[in-house]
Amino acid sequence: MTERTQGSDPDVRAAKNEVVLRDLNERLEAHHKWVGKRFSEWVCECADETCVMPVVLSIAEYEHVRANPTRFVVAPAAEHVNRRIERVVQRDERYWVVEKVGVAAEITEDLDPRP
């Protein structure tokens, strides 16, 4: 990680918080595959540490979002978007996809566990 992505400014912290939630969803994915339901509840990957909104997606939809390490799923509402570090790239009635920009994009790419 660069010195810029190791800082403690609010944008860096927000991006790192979202990575933690993405990691939780990665673990949930195995469970969702085992259960085999068409749609499953995932954790909203927004920067709000108190958010408990579920996000409903299929495994294929989640995999499509995760194909890009700078993209995250959030509940479909503006309050789940941190405009300083991300922009909405897809709106669905069940979920929105946000894409990190700037230092947040660097952080999410650096911390992405997928090859």
Protein backbone atom coordinates (compact mmCIF):
# COMPACT_ATOMS: atom_id res chain seq x y z
CA MET A 1 0.00 0.00 0.00
CA THR A 2 1.13 3.50 -0.66
CA GLU A 3 1.59 6.05 2.11
CA ARG A 4 -1.52 7.79 0.80
CA THR A 5 -3.68 4.68 1.36
CA GLN A 6 -2.35 4.00 4.86
CA GLY A 7 -3.54 7.25 6.41
CA SER A 8 -6.37 7.76 8.84
CA ASP A 9 -8.36 10.41 7.02
CA PRO A 10 -12.15 9.82 6.85
CA ASP A 11 -12.10 8.70 3.20
CA VAL A 12 -9.41 6.10 3.86
CA ARG A 13 -11.28 4.81 6.92
CA ALA A 14 -14.55 4.67 4.98
CA ALA A 15 -12.98 2.67 2.16
CA LYS A 16 -11.38 0.25 4.63
CA ASN A 17 -14.70 -0.21 6.46
CA GLU A 18 -16.35 -1.13 3.17
CA VAL A 19 -13.62 -3.68 2.45
CA VAL A 20 -14.39 -5.36 5.80
CA LEU A 21 -18.05 -5.68 4.79
CA ARG A 22 -17.08 -7.02 1.37
CA ASP A 23 -14.96 -9.66 3.14
CA LEU A 24 -17.99 -10.64 5.22
CA ASN A 25 -20.05 -11.03 2.04
CA GLU A 26 -17.29 -13.18 0.57
CA ARG A 27 -17.75 -15.58 3.50
CA LEU A 28 -21.54 -15.42 3.16
CA GLU A 29 -21.25 -16.41 -0.50
CA ALA A 30 -20.25 -19.97 0.40
CA HIS A 31 -23.31 -20.26 2.64
CA HIS A 32 -25.60 -18.84 -0.04
CA LYS A 33 -24.27 -21.36 -2.57
CA TRP A 34 -24.88 -24.20 -0.11
CA VAL A 35 -28.47 -23.06 0.60
CA GLY A 36 -29.14 -22.69 -3.12
CA LYS A 37 -31.88 -20.05 -3.00
CA ARG A 38 -32.42 -17.86 -6.07
CA PHE A 39 -31.94 -14.65 -4.08
CA SER A 40 -30.07 -14.19 -0.84
CA GLU A 41 -29.54 -11.42 1.68
CA TRP A 42 -26.10 -9.84 1.67
CA VAL A 43 -24.63 -7.16 3.92
CA CYS A 44 -24.85 -3.58 2.65
CA GLU A 45 -21.26 -2.60 1.85
CA CYS A 46 -21.72 1.12 2.56
CA ALA A 47 -19.34 3.18 4.70
CA ASP A 48 -21.84 3.65 7.54
CA GLU A 49 -20.55 1.48 10.38
CA THR A 50 -24.04 1.32 11.93
CA CYS A 51 -25.86 0.21 8.75
CA VAL A 52 -27.74 -3.06 9.06
CA MET A 53 -29.71 -2.93 5.82
CA PRO A 54 -29.79 -6.23 3.96
CA VAL A 55 -29.24 -6.19 0.21
CA VAL A 56 -30.95 -8.86 -1.90
CA LEU A 57 -29.02 -10.30 -4.84
CA SER A 58 -28.55 -13.58 -6.61
CA ILE A 59 -25.14 -15.21 -6.45
CA ALA A 60 -24.63 -14.40 -10.13
CA GLU A 61 -25.43 -10.72 -9.51
CA TYR A 62 -23.00 -10.61 -6.59
CA GLU A 63 -20.28 -12.33 -8.65
CA HIS A 64 -20.81 -9.79 -11.44
CA VAL A 65 -20.25 -6.91 -9.01
CA ARG A 66 -17.22 -8.62 -7.43
CA ALA A 67 -15.56 -9.12 -10.81
CA ASN A 68 -14.35 -5.53 -10.38
CA PRO A 69 -12.50 -4.96 -7.06
CA THR A 70 -13.55 -1.30 -6.93
CA ARG A 71 -17.28 -2.08 -7.03
CA PHE A 72 -19.53 -2.70 -4.02
CA VAL A 73 -23.22 -3.43 -3.40
CA VAL A 74 -25.22 -1.05 -1.24
CA ALA A 75 -28.86 -0.66 -0.27
CA PRO A 76 -30.76 1.26 -2.96
CA ALA A 77 -30.82 4.73 -1.41
CA ALA A 78 -28.67 7.87 -1.56
CA GLU A 79 -27.77 7.67 2.13
CA HIS A 80 -25.73 4.53 1.37
CA VAL A 81 -23.49 6.36 -1.10
CA ASN A 82 -20.43 8.33 0.04
CA ARG A 83 -20.01 10.75 -2.85
CA ARG A 84 -16.49 11.72 -1.74
CA ILE A 85 -15.13 8.25 -2.48
CA GLU A 86 -17.60 6.55 -4.87
CA ARG A 87 -20.14 6.97 -7.62
CA VAL A 88 -23.24 4.97 -8.47
CA VAL A 89 -22.71 2.88 -11.61
CA GLN A 90 -25.84 0.69 -11.47
CA ARG A 91 -29.29 1.13 -9.93
CA ASP A 92 -31.61 -1.80 -9.39
CA GLU A 93 -34.75 -1.83 -7.27
CA ARG A 94 -33.07 -4.33 -4.89
CA TYR A 95 -29.54 -2.90 -4.77
CA TRP A 96 -27.19 -0.27 -6.18
CA VAL A 97 -23.60 -0.77 -7.29
CA VAL A 98 -21.05 1.88 -6.37
CA GLU A 99 -17.56 2.22 -7.77
CA LYS A 100 -14.73 3.64 -5.69
CA VAL A 101 -12.72 6.57 -7.04
CA GLY A 102 -9.37 8.10 -6.12
CA VAL A 103 -7.63 6.82 -2.99
CA ALA A 104 -10.64 4.63 -2.16
CA ALA A 105 -10.20 2.78 -5.47
CA GLU A 106 -6.51 2.24 -4.67
CA ILE A 107 -7.36 0.85 -1.25
CA THR A 108 -10.02 -1.55 -2.51
CA GLU A 109 -7.76 -2.83 -5.25
CA ASP A 110 -4.86 -3.30 -2.79
CA LEU A 111 -7.07 -5.15 -0.28
CA ASP A 112 -8.98 -7.33 -2.76
CA PRO A 113 -8.44 -10.97 -1.76
CA ARG A 114 -9.30 -12.31 -5.20
CA PRO A 115 -6.49 -12.92 -7.70
